[in-house]
Amino acid sequence: NNNEDINYKIGGQIWVQKDGDNFMGPGRITILELLAEGYTLEEVAIKMKMKLETAINNINAINKTAKRPLTLTKDKNHYEVTSYGIDIISKYKELKEEHDKMLEELNKKFSINL
């Protein structure tokens, strides 16, 4: 086992918080994106390997935390992502791009080879 070829990388996820509570992160963005693509919440839960209740709790949490609703309930299992929700997805993607660039720069500056 030759450990000399193992390079370590600095990584991380980005979360947006409001008043100390998680508002938006990778999982919640994926839920919104899939709903915007027309999947039902049940299909989203299956695709993301989570319980339907967990998906519902995530939707309720982001709608409660946001200034305006990110989703509207069409019926028990169908949600429509609002224009505000689409804006949040877009802003999060921009933020993630910047975060990824920062991680890339940190990895160049602090390359670790143990």
Protein backbone atom coordinates (compact mmCIF):
# COMPACT_ATOMS: atom_id res chain seq x y z
CA ASN A 1 0.00 0.00 0.00
CA ASN A 2 1.73 3.15 -1.24
CA ASN A 3 0.34 6.13 0.66
CA GLU A 4 2.74 8.55 -1.02
CA ASP A 5 0.28 9.09 -3.88
CA ILE A 6 -2.62 10.15 -1.67
CA ASN A 7 -3.44 13.82 -2.00
CA TYR A 8 -5.82 15.51 0.41
CA LYS A 9 -8.22 18.19 -0.71
CA ILE A 10 -10.02 20.91 1.18
CA GLY A 11 -13.75 20.59 0.63
CA GLY A 12 -17.00 21.87 1.97
CA GLN A 13 -20.68 22.48 1.40
CA ILE A 14 -22.40 25.83 1.45
CA TRP A 15 -25.42 26.53 3.62
CA VAL A 16 -27.37 29.75 3.85
CA GLN A 17 -28.68 30.39 7.33
CA LYS A 18 -31.23 32.79 8.76
CA ASP A 19 -31.17 33.55 12.47
CA GLY A 20 -28.98 30.50 13.06
CA ASP A 21 -31.33 28.09 11.26
CA ASN A 22 -30.43 26.39 8.00
CA PHE A 23 -32.41 27.93 5.17
CA MET A 24 -30.86 26.62 1.98
CA GLY A 25 -28.30 23.99 1.18
CA PRO A 26 -27.53 21.37 -1.46
CA GLY A 27 -30.36 19.00 -0.54
CA ARG A 28 -33.04 21.65 -0.35
CA ILE A 29 -31.91 23.19 -3.62
CA THR A 30 -32.15 19.76 -5.26
CA ILE A 31 -35.70 19.35 -3.93
CA LEU A 32 -36.68 22.72 -5.42
CA GLU A 33 -34.96 21.98 -8.74
CA LEU A 34 -36.72 18.63 -9.11
CA LEU A 35 -40.10 20.16 -8.22
CA ALA A 36 -39.45 22.90 -10.80
CA GLU A 37 -38.76 20.15 -13.37
CA GLY A 38 -42.25 18.79 -12.72
CA TYR A 39 -41.58 15.88 -10.38
CA THR A 40 -44.10 15.21 -7.61
CA LEU A 41 -42.85 15.46 -4.05
CA GLU A 42 -43.16 11.68 -3.72
CA GLU A 43 -40.96 11.21 -6.83
CA VAL A 44 -38.47 13.74 -5.42
CA ALA A 45 -38.31 11.85 -2.13
CA ILE A 46 -37.71 8.53 -3.92
CA LYS A 47 -35.07 10.08 -6.20
CA MET A 48 -33.28 11.58 -3.19
CA LYS A 49 -33.66 8.43 -1.09
CA MET A 50 -35.52 10.20 1.69
CA LYS A 51 -38.84 9.69 3.40
CA LEU A 52 -41.74 11.69 2.00
CA GLU A 53 -42.18 13.22 5.46
CA THR A 54 -38.58 14.50 5.35
CA ALA A 55 -39.19 16.12 1.96
CA ILE A 56 -42.39 17.74 3.27
CA ASN A 57 -40.56 18.97 6.38
CA ASN A 58 -37.84 20.52 4.17
CA ILE A 59 -40.42 22.31 2.02
CA ASN A 60 -42.25 23.58 5.10
CA ALA A 61 -38.98 24.76 6.69
CA ILE A 62 -37.81 26.74 3.65
CA ASN A 63 -41.23 28.30 3.12
CA LYS A 64 -41.39 29.28 6.80
CA THR A 65 -37.90 30.81 6.71
CA ALA A 66 -38.19 32.63 3.37
CA LYS A 67 -39.58 36.15 2.96
CA ARG A 68 -42.12 34.77 0.50
CA PRO A 69 -43.15 31.21 -0.38
CA LEU A 70 -40.74 29.29 -2.58
CA THR A 71 -43.38 26.71 -3.38
CA LEU A 72 -47.17 26.64 -3.61
CA THR A 73 -49.16 23.49 -2.98
CA LYS A 74 -51.19 22.45 -6.02
CA ASP A 75 -52.48 19.33 -4.25
CA LYS A 76 -51.20 16.86 -1.63
CA ASN A 77 -48.26 15.71 -3.77
CA HIS A 78 -47.80 18.46 -6.37
CA TYR A 79 -45.92 21.64 -5.63
CA GLU A 80 -45.27 24.58 -7.89
CA VAL A 81 -41.99 26.45 -7.45
CA THR A 82 -42.73 30.18 -7.40
CA SER A 83 -40.74 32.77 -9.34
CA TYR A 84 -39.17 33.71 -6.00
CA GLY A 85 -38.18 30.04 -5.57
CA ILE A 86 -36.59 30.05 -9.03
CA ASP A 87 -34.67 33.20 -8.05
CA ILE A 88 -33.43 31.52 -4.87
CA ILE A 89 -32.23 28.49 -6.89
CA SER A 90 -30.37 30.82 -9.25
CA LYS A 91 -28.77 32.86 -6.43
CA TYR A 92 -27.73 29.70 -4.62
CA LYS A 93 -26.07 28.35 -7.78
CA GLU A 94 -24.13 31.63 -8.13
CA LEU A 95 -23.09 31.40 -4.50
CA LYS A 96 -22.03 27.78 -4.95
CA GLU A 97 -19.91 28.71 -7.98
CA GLU A 98 -18.10 31.36 -5.92
CA HIS A 99 -17.68 28.90 -3.06
CA ASP A 100 -16.25 26.27 -5.43
CA LYS A 101 -13.78 28.84 -6.82
CA MET A 102 -12.73 29.73 -3.29
CA LEU A 103 -12.15 26.06 -2.46
CA GLU A 104 -10.14 25.64 -5.64
CA GLU A 105 -7.94 28.61 -4.68
CA LEU A 106 -7.51 27.27 -1.15
CA ASN A 107 -6.47 23.91 -2.55
CA LYS A 108 -3.85 25.59 -4.77
CA LYS A 109 -2.53 27.60 -1.85
CA PHE A 110 -2.57 24.85 0.76
CA SER A 111 -1.97 21.65 -1.15
CA ILE A 112 -1.60 18.85 1.34
CA ASN A 113 0.29 15.69 0.55
CA LEU A 114 0.63 13.47 3.61
